[in-house]
Amino acid sequence: MVTEQLNLFMELNLYLFVENFLFFLIATLLIVAINWGWKDTKPYTLPLPFPGWYKIWFGSVQLLGVLLPLVFMLL
C-alpha cells in the first residue's frame, strides 16, 4: 500500500517536472526566436507632445477602469 502511494507520488512528480520543463523550454525558445526576428527593428517612439484628446482618454480610463471599481469593491 505504501509503495503504491510512493510510486504514484514519484510518477506525479516526474510528470509535473517534465510538464514544467517543456513549458520553460518552449517559452524560452519563443522569446529567443522573437528577439532574433526583431533585432534590426527601430524602436517605436510615441508622438510628442501628446495630442489633446489623450489626456481626456487617459483620465477616463483611469477613472472608469480603476477608481470606480475600487470604490465599489471597498463599499
PDB file of N, CA and C in Angstrom:
ATOM      1  N   MET A   1       0.819  -1.189   0.000  1.00  0.00           N
ATOM      2  CA  MET A   1       0.000   0.000   0.000  1.00  0.00           C
ATOM      3  C   MET A   1       0.867   1.259   0.000  1.00  0.00           C
ATOM      4  N   VAL A   2       1.854   1.295   0.880  1.00  0.00           N
ATOM      5  CA  VAL A   2       2.725   2.467   0.973  1.00  0.00           C
ATOM      6  C   VAL A   2       3.574   2.602  -0.284  1.00  0.00           C
ATOM      7  N   THR A   3       4.061   1.487  -0.804  1.00  0.00           N
ATOM      8  CA  THR A   3       4.890   1.557  -2.010  1.00  0.00           C
ATOM      9  C   THR A   3       4.070   2.006  -3.219  1.00  0.00           C
ATOM     10  N   GLU A   4       2.800   1.631  -3.269  1.00  0.00           N
ATOM     11  CA  GLU A   4       1.941   2.083  -4.365  1.00  0.00           C
ATOM     12  C   GLU A   4       1.754   3.592  -4.307  1.00  0.00           C
ATOM     13  N   GLN A   5       1.539   4.104  -3.101  1.00  0.00           N
ATOM     14  CA  GLN A   5       1.379   5.551  -2.944  1.00  0.00           C
ATOM     15  C   GLN A   5       2.678   6.273  -3.273  1.00  0.00           C
ATOM     16  N   LEU A   6       3.802   5.690  -2.877  1.00  0.00           N
ATOM     17  CA  LEU A   6       5.093   6.289  -3.176  1.00  0.00           C
ATOM     18  C   LEU A   6       5.350   6.299  -4.680  1.00  0.00           C
ATOM     19  N   ASN A   7       5.015   5.205  -5.348  1.00  0.00           N
ATOM     20  CA  ASN A   7       5.187   5.150  -6.795  1.00  0.00           C
ATOM     21  C   ASN A   7       4.305   6.172  -7.495  1.00  0.00           C
ATOM     22  N   LEU A   8       3.066   6.312  -7.047  1.00  0.00           N
ATOM     23  CA  LEU A   8       2.161   7.297  -7.620  1.00  0.00           C
ATOM     24  C   LEU A   8       2.701   8.702  -7.407  1.00  0.00           C
ATOM     25  N   PHE A   9       3.214   8.956  -6.211  1.00  0.00           N
ATOM     26  CA  PHE A   9       3.799  10.261  -5.888  1.00  0.00           C
ATOM     27  C   PHE A   9       4.990  10.557  -6.783  1.00  0.00           C
ATOM     28  N   MET A  10       5.859   9.587  -7.001  1.00  0.00           N
ATOM     29  CA  MET A  10       7.040   9.774  -7.844  1.00  0.00           C
ATOM     30  C   MET A  10       6.639   9.981  -9.305  1.00  0.00           C
ATOM     31  N   GLU A  11       5.641   9.240  -9.776  1.00  0.00           N
ATOM     32  CA  GLU A  11       5.171   9.414 -11.146  1.00  0.00           C
ATOM     33  C   GLU A  11       4.570  10.798 -11.343  1.00  0.00           C
ATOM     34  N   LEU A  12       3.816  11.264 -10.355  1.00  0.00           N
ATOM     35  CA  LEU A  12       3.214  12.581 -10.443  1.00  0.00           C
ATOM     36  C   LEU A  12       4.291  13.656 -10.439  1.00  0.00           C
ATOM     37  N   ASN A  13       5.302  13.511  -9.578  1.00  0.00           N
ATOM     38  CA  ASN A  13       6.393  14.482  -9.546  1.00  0.00           C
ATOM     39  C   ASN A  13       7.156  14.501 -10.867  1.00  0.00           C
ATOM     40  N   LEU A  14       7.392  13.334 -11.423  1.00  0.00           N
ATOM     41  CA  LEU A  14       8.092  13.262 -12.714  1.00  0.00           C
ATOM     42  C   LEU A  14       7.252  13.917 -13.805  1.00  0.00           C
ATOM     43  N   TYR A  15       5.955  13.646 -13.817  1.00  0.00           N
ATOM     44  CA  TYR A  15       5.057  14.243 -14.808  1.00  0.00           C
ATOM     45  C   TYR A  15       5.068  15.765 -14.693  1.00  0.00           C
ATOM     46  N   LEU A  16       4.953  16.285 -13.473  1.00  0.00           N
ATOM     47  CA  LEU A  16       4.954  17.732 -13.268  1.00  0.00           C
ATOM     48  C   LEU A  16       6.292  18.346 -13.664  1.00  0.00           C
ATOM     49  N   PHE A  17       7.388  17.667 -13.355  1.00  0.00           N
ATOM     50  CA  PHE A  17       8.703  18.171 -13.739  1.00  0.00           C
ATOM     51  C   PHE A  17       8.835  18.246 -15.261  1.00  0.00           C
ATOM     52  N   VAL A  18       8.426  17.195 -15.942  1.00  0.00           N
ATOM     53  CA  VAL A  18       8.520  17.179 -17.409  1.00  0.00           C
ATOM     54  C   VAL A  18       7.620  18.253 -18.006  1.00  0.00           C
ATOM     55  N   GLU A  19       6.406  18.377 -17.482  1.00  0.00           N
ATOM     56  CA  GLU A  19       5.479  19.383 -17.994  1.00  0.00           C
ATOM     57  C   GLU A  19       6.037  20.791 -17.810  1.00  0.00           C
ATOM     58  N   ASN A  20       6.552  21.099 -16.632  1.00  0.00           N
ATOM     59  CA  ASN A  20       7.120  22.423 -16.368  1.00  0.00           C
ATOM     60  C   ASN A  20       8.383  22.668 -17.186  1.00  0.00           C
ATOM     61  N   PHE A  21       9.206  21.639 -17.343  1.00  0.00           N
ATOM     62  CA  PHE A  21      10.430  21.794 -18.134  1.00  0.00           C
ATOM     63  C   PHE A  21      10.100  22.055 -19.600  1.00  0.00           C
ATOM     64  N   LEU A  22       9.128  21.346 -20.143  1.00  0.00           N
ATOM     65  CA  LEU A  22       8.745  21.575 -21.540  1.00  0.00           C
ATOM     66  C   LEU A  22       8.158  22.966 -21.735  1.00  0.00           C
ATOM     67  N   PHE A  23       7.342  23.421 -20.795  1.00  0.00           N
ATOM     68  CA  PHE A  23       6.807  24.779 -20.884  1.00  0.00           C
ATOM     69  C   PHE A  23       7.939  25.796 -20.850  1.00  0.00           C
ATOM     70  N   PHE A  24       8.885  25.626 -19.932  1.00  0.00           N
ATOM     71  CA  PHE A  24      10.018  26.538 -19.830  1.00  0.00           C
ATOM     72  C   PHE A  24      10.833  26.544 -21.118  1.00  0.00           C
ATOM     73  N   LEU A  25      11.069  25.373 -21.678  1.00  0.00           N
ATOM     74  CA  LEU A  25      11.852  25.259 -22.905  1.00  0.00           C
ATOM     75  C   LEU A  25      11.143  25.929 -24.081  1.00  0.00           C
ATOM     76  N   ILE A  26       9.855  25.679 -24.248  1.00  0.00           N
ATOM     77  CA  ILE A  26       9.109  26.278 -25.355  1.00  0.00           C
ATOM     78  C   ILE A  26       9.019  27.796 -25.192  1.00  0.00           C
ATOM     79  N   ALA A  27       8.753  28.271 -23.980  1.00  0.00           N
ATOM     80  CA  ALA A  27       8.657  29.713 -23.742  1.00  0.00           C
ATOM     81  C   ALA A  27       9.993  30.397 -24.002  1.00  0.00           C
ATOM     82  N   THR A  28      11.082  29.772 -23.567  1.00  0.00           N
ATOM     83  CA  THR A  28      12.406  30.353 -23.789  1.00  0.00           C
ATOM     84  C   THR A  28      12.739  30.387 -25.273  1.00  0.00           C
ATOM     85  N   LEU A  29      12.446  29.315 -25.991  1.00  0.00           N
ATOM     86  CA  LEU A  29      12.711  29.286 -27.428  1.00  0.00           C
ATOM     87  C   LEU A  29      11.870  30.321 -28.169  1.00  0.00           C
ATOM     88  N   LEU A  30      10.639  30.521 -27.739  1.00  0.00           N
ATOM     89  CA  LEU A  30       9.800  31.533 -28.360  1.00  0.00           C
ATOM     90  C   LEU A  30      10.377  32.934 -28.141  1.00  0.00           C
ATOM     91  N   ILE A  31      10.819  33.219 -26.929  1.00  0.00           N
ATOM     92  CA  ILE A  31      11.415  34.527 -26.649  1.00  0.00           C
ATOM     93  C   ILE A  31      12.684  34.726 -27.468  1.00  0.00           C
ATOM     94  N   VAL A  32      13.509  33.694 -27.580  1.00  0.00           N
ATOM     95  CA  VAL A  32      14.741  33.793 -28.373  1.00  0.00           C
ATOM     96  C   VAL A  32      14.408  34.031 -29.846  1.00  0.00           C
ATOM     97  N   ALA A  33      13.418  33.319 -30.376  1.00  0.00           N
ATOM     98  CA  ALA A  33      13.048  33.470 -31.787  1.00  0.00           C
ATOM     99  C   ALA A  33      12.496  34.866 -32.061  1.00  0.00           C
ATOM    100  N   ILE A  34      11.656  35.372 -31.179  1.00  0.00           N
ATOM    101  CA  ILE A  34      11.098  36.714 -31.373  1.00  0.00           C
ATOM    102  C   ILE A  34      12.196  37.760 -31.261  1.00  0.00           C
ATOM    103  N   ASN A  35      13.085  37.590 -30.302  1.00  0.00           N
ATOM    104  CA  ASN A  35      14.202  38.524 -30.144  1.00  0.00           C
ATOM    105  C   ASN A  35      15.082  38.527 -31.391  1.00  0.00           C
ATOM    106  N   TRP A  36      15.345  37.366 -31.952  1.00  0.00           N
ATOM    107  CA  TRP A  36      16.171  37.273 -33.154  1.00  0.00           C
ATOM    108  C   TRP A  36      15.465  37.941 -34.329  1.00  0.00           C
ATOM    109  N   GLY A  37      14.154  37.782 -34.424  1.00  0.00           N
ATOM    110  CA  GLY A  37      13.413  38.377 -35.531  1.00  0.00           C
ATOM    111  C   GLY A  37      13.315  39.889 -35.445  1.00  0.00           C
ATOM    112  N   TRP A  38      13.361  40.435 -34.243  1.00  0.00           N
ATOM    113  CA  TRP A  38      13.204  41.872 -34.061  1.00  0.00           C
ATOM    114  C   TRP A  38      14.515  42.600 -33.803  1.00  0.00           C
ATOM    115  N   LYS A  39      15.641  41.948 -33.985  1.00  0.00           N
ATOM    116  CA  LYS A  39      16.909  42.564 -33.578  1.00  0.00           C
ATOM    117  C   LYS A  39      17.287  43.783 -34.411  1.00  0.00           C
ATOM    118  N   ASP A  40      16.802  43.883 -35.657  1.00  0.00           N
ATOM    119  CA  ASP A  40      17.194  45.002 -36.513  1.00  0.00           C
ATOM    120  C   ASP A  40      16.114  46.068 -36.645  1.00  0.00           C
ATOM    121  N   THR A  41      15.037  45.956 -35.886  1.00  0.00           N
ATOM    122  CA  THR A  41      13.968  46.937 -35.996  1.00  0.00           C
ATOM    123  C   THR A  41      14.290  48.182 -35.176  1.00  0.00           C
ATOM    124  N   LYS A  42      13.778  49.308 -35.644  1.00  0.00           N
ATOM    125  CA  LYS A  42      13.961  50.554 -34.907  1.00  0.00           C
ATOM    126  C   LYS A  42      12.937  50.630 -33.786  1.00  0.00           C
ATOM    127  N   PRO A  43      13.293  51.210 -32.650  1.00  0.00           N
ATOM    128  CA  PRO A  43      12.318  51.328 -31.562  1.00  0.00           C
ATOM    129  C   PRO A  43      11.208  52.305 -31.931  1.00  0.00           C
ATOM    130  N   TYR A  44      10.001  51.997 -31.470  1.00  0.00           N
ATOM    131  CA  TYR A  44       8.850  52.855 -31.726  1.00  0.00           C
ATOM    132  C   TYR A  44       8.849  53.998 -30.723  1.00  0.00           C
ATOM    133  N   THR A  45       8.631  55.195 -31.213  1.00  0.00           N
ATOM    134  CA  THR A  45       8.553  56.350 -30.315  1.00  0.00           C
ATOM    135  C   THR A  45       7.155  56.943 -30.399  1.00  0.00           C
ATOM    136  N   LEU A  46       6.628  57.329 -29.253  1.00  0.00           N
ATOM    137  CA  LEU A  46       5.323  57.974 -29.215  1.00  0.00           C
ATOM    138  C   LEU A  46       5.458  59.403 -29.712  1.00  0.00           C
ATOM    139  N   PRO A  47       4.424  59.908 -30.373  1.00  0.00           N
ATOM    140  CA  PRO A  47       4.488  61.301 -30.824  1.00  0.00           C
ATOM    141  C   PRO A  47       4.465  62.238 -29.615  1.00  0.00           C
ATOM    142  N   LEU A  48       5.383  63.167 -29.600  1.00  0.00           N
ATOM    143  CA  LEU A  48       5.444  64.134 -28.502  1.00  0.00           C
ATOM    144  C   LEU A  48       5.279  65.529 -29.074  1.00  0.00           C
ATOM    145  N   PRO A  49       4.577  66.407 -28.486  1.00  0.00           N
ATOM    146  CA  PRO A  49       3.757  66.203 -27.301  1.00  0.00           C
ATOM    147  C   PRO A  49       2.507  65.388 -27.639  1.00  0.00           C
ATOM    148  N   PHE A  50       1.901  64.819 -26.610  1.00  0.00           N
ATOM    149  CA  PHE A  50       0.704  64.023 -26.826  1.00  0.00           C
ATOM    150  C   PHE A  50      -0.422  64.897 -27.366  1.00  0.00           C
ATOM    151  N   PRO A  51      -1.295  64.321 -28.183  1.00  0.00           N
ATOM    152  CA  PRO A  51      -2.448  65.092 -28.672  1.00  0.00           C
ATOM    153  C   PRO A  51      -3.373  65.486 -27.519  1.00  0.00           C
ATOM    154  N   GLY A  52      -4.213  66.487 -27.755  1.00  0.00           N
ATOM    155  CA  GLY A  52      -5.092  66.988 -26.705  1.00  0.00           C
ATOM    156  C   GLY A  52      -6.088  65.958 -26.212  1.00  0.00           C
ATOM    157  N   TRP A  53      -6.557  65.082 -27.094  1.00  0.00           N
ATOM    158  CA  TRP A  53      -7.555  64.085 -26.699  1.00  0.00           C
ATOM    159  C   TRP A  53      -6.963  63.010 -25.793  1.00  0.00           C
ATOM    160  N   TYR A  54      -5.634  62.900 -25.761  1.00  0.00           N
ATOM    161  CA  TYR A  54      -5.002  61.836 -24.984  1.00  0.00           C
ATOM    162  C   TYR A  54      -5.261  62.007 -23.490  1.00  0.00           C
ATOM    163  N   LYS A  55      -5.207  63.240 -23.004  1.00  0.00           N
ATOM    164  CA  LYS A  55      -5.443  63.478 -21.575  1.00  0.00           C
ATOM    165  C   LYS A  55      -6.865  63.084 -21.188  1.00  0.00           C
ATOM    166  N   ILE A  56      -7.826  63.384 -22.061  1.00  0.00           N
ATOM    167  CA  ILE A  56      -9.217  63.025 -21.776  1.00  0.00           C
ATOM    168  C   ILE A  56      -9.380  61.515 -21.786  1.00  0.00           C
ATOM    169  N   TRP A  57      -8.801  60.869 -22.782  1.00  0.00           N
ATOM    170  CA  TRP A  57      -8.907  59.411 -22.882  1.00  0.00           C
ATOM    171  C   TRP A  57      -8.242  58.726 -21.685  1.00  0.00           C
ATOM    172  N   PHE A  58      -7.014  59.158 -21.359  1.00  0.00           N
ATOM    173  CA  PHE A  58      -6.285  58.543 -20.257  1.00  0.00           C
ATOM    174  C   PHE A  58      -7.008  58.759 -18.929  1.00  0.00           C
ATOM    175  N   GLY A  59      -7.545  59.956 -18.723  1.00  0.00           N
ATOM    176  CA  GLY A  59      -8.287  60.238 -17.493  1.00  0.00           C
ATOM    177  C   GLY A  59      -9.537  59.384 -17.371  1.00  0.00           C
ATOM    178  N   SER A  60     -10.256  59.196 -18.493  1.00  0.00           N
ATOM    179  CA  SER A  60     -11.469  58.375 -18.426  1.00  0.00           C
ATOM    180  C   SER A  60     -11.124  56.909 -18.178  1.00  0.00           C
ATOM    181  N   VAL A  61     -10.026  56.432 -18.738  1.00  0.00           N
ATOM    182  CA  VAL A  61      -9.601  55.049 -18.496  1.00  0.00           C
ATOM    183  C   VAL A  61      -9.255  54.865 -17.020  1.00  0.00           C
ATOM    184  N   GLN A  62      -8.544  55.807 -16.454  1.00  0.00           N
ATOM    185  CA  GLN A  62      -8.179  55.707 -15.044  1.00  0.00           C
ATOM    186  C   GLN A  62      -9.402  55.770 -14.147  1.00  0.00           C
ATOM    187  N   LEU A  63     -10.305  56.691 -14.460  1.00  0.00           N
ATOM    188  CA  LEU A  63     -11.495  56.871 -13.623  1.00  0.00           C
ATOM    189  C   LEU A  63     -12.425  55.665 -13.710  1.00  0.00           C
ATOM    190  N   LEU A  64     -12.763  55.257 -14.925  1.00  0.00           N
ATOM    191  CA  LEU A  64     -13.741  54.186 -15.099  1.00  0.00           C
ATOM    192  C   LEU A  64     -13.141  52.798 -14.918  1.00  0.00           C
ATOM    193  N   GLY A  65     -11.848  52.658 -15.165  1.00  0.00           N
ATOM    194  CA  GLY A  65     -11.241  51.334 -15.103  1.00  0.00           C
ATOM    195  C   GLY A  65     -10.570  51.018 -13.779  1.00  0.00           C
ATOM    196  N   VAL A  66     -10.246  52.037 -12.995  1.00  0.00           N
ATOM    197  CA  VAL A  66      -9.534  51.779 -11.745  1.00  0.00           C
ATOM    198  C   VAL A  66     -10.309  52.333 -10.548  1.00  0.00           C
ATOM    199  N   LEU A  67     -10.575  53.599 -10.574  1.00  0.00           N
ATOM    200  CA  LEU A  67     -11.175  54.227  -9.397  1.00  0.00           C
ATOM    201  C   LEU A  67     -12.605  53.774  -9.140  1.00  0.00           C
ATOM    202  N   LEU A  68     -13.431  53.705 -10.180  1.00  0.00           N
ATOM    203  CA  LEU A  68     -14.820  53.297  -9.994  1.00  0.00           C
ATOM    204  C   LEU A  68     -14.940  51.863  -9.467  1.00  0.00           C
ATOM    205  N   PRO A  69     -14.241  50.885 -10.059  1.00  0.00           N
ATOM    206  CA  PRO A  69     -14.308  49.536  -9.466  1.00  0.00           C
ATOM    207  C   PRO A  69     -13.743  49.486  -8.045  1.00  0.00           C
ATOM    208  N   LEU A  70     -12.713  50.267  -7.774  1.00  0.00           N
ATOM    209  CA  LEU A  70     -12.124  50.288  -6.440  1.00  0.00           C
ATOM    210  C   LEU A  70     -13.136  50.802  -5.414  1.00  0.00           C
ATOM    211  N   VAL A  71     -13.893  51.841  -5.771  1.00  0.00           N
ATOM    212  CA  VAL A  71     -14.912  52.380  -4.876  1.00  0.00           C
ATOM    213  C   VAL A  71     -15.959  51.312  -4.572  1.00  0.00           C
ATOM    214  N   PHE A  72     -16.424  50.601  -5.607  1.00  0.00           N
ATOM    215  CA  PHE A  72     -17.451  49.572  -5.387  1.00  0.00           C
ATOM    216  C   PHE A  72     -16.902  48.364  -4.629  1.00  0.00           C
ATOM    217  N   MET A  73     -15.631  48.060  -4.799  1.00  0.00           N
ATOM    218  CA  MET A  73     -15.063  46.940  -4.035  1.00  0.00           C
ATOM    219  C   MET A  73     -14.940  47.293  -2.566  1.00  0.00           C
ATOM    220  N   LEU A  74     -14.676  48.538  -2.263  1.00  0.00           N
ATOM    221  CA  LEU A  74     -14.487  48.942  -0.874  1.00  0.00           C
ATOM    222  C   LEU A  74     -15.798  49.215  -0.148  1.00  0.00           C
ATOM    223  N   LEU A  75     -16.885  49.352  -0.899  1.00  0.00           N
ATOM    224  CA  LEU A  75     -18.196  49.601  -0.251  1.00  0.00           C
ATOM    225  C   LEU A  75     -18.745  48.358   0.392  1.00  0.00           C
TER     226      LEU A  75
END
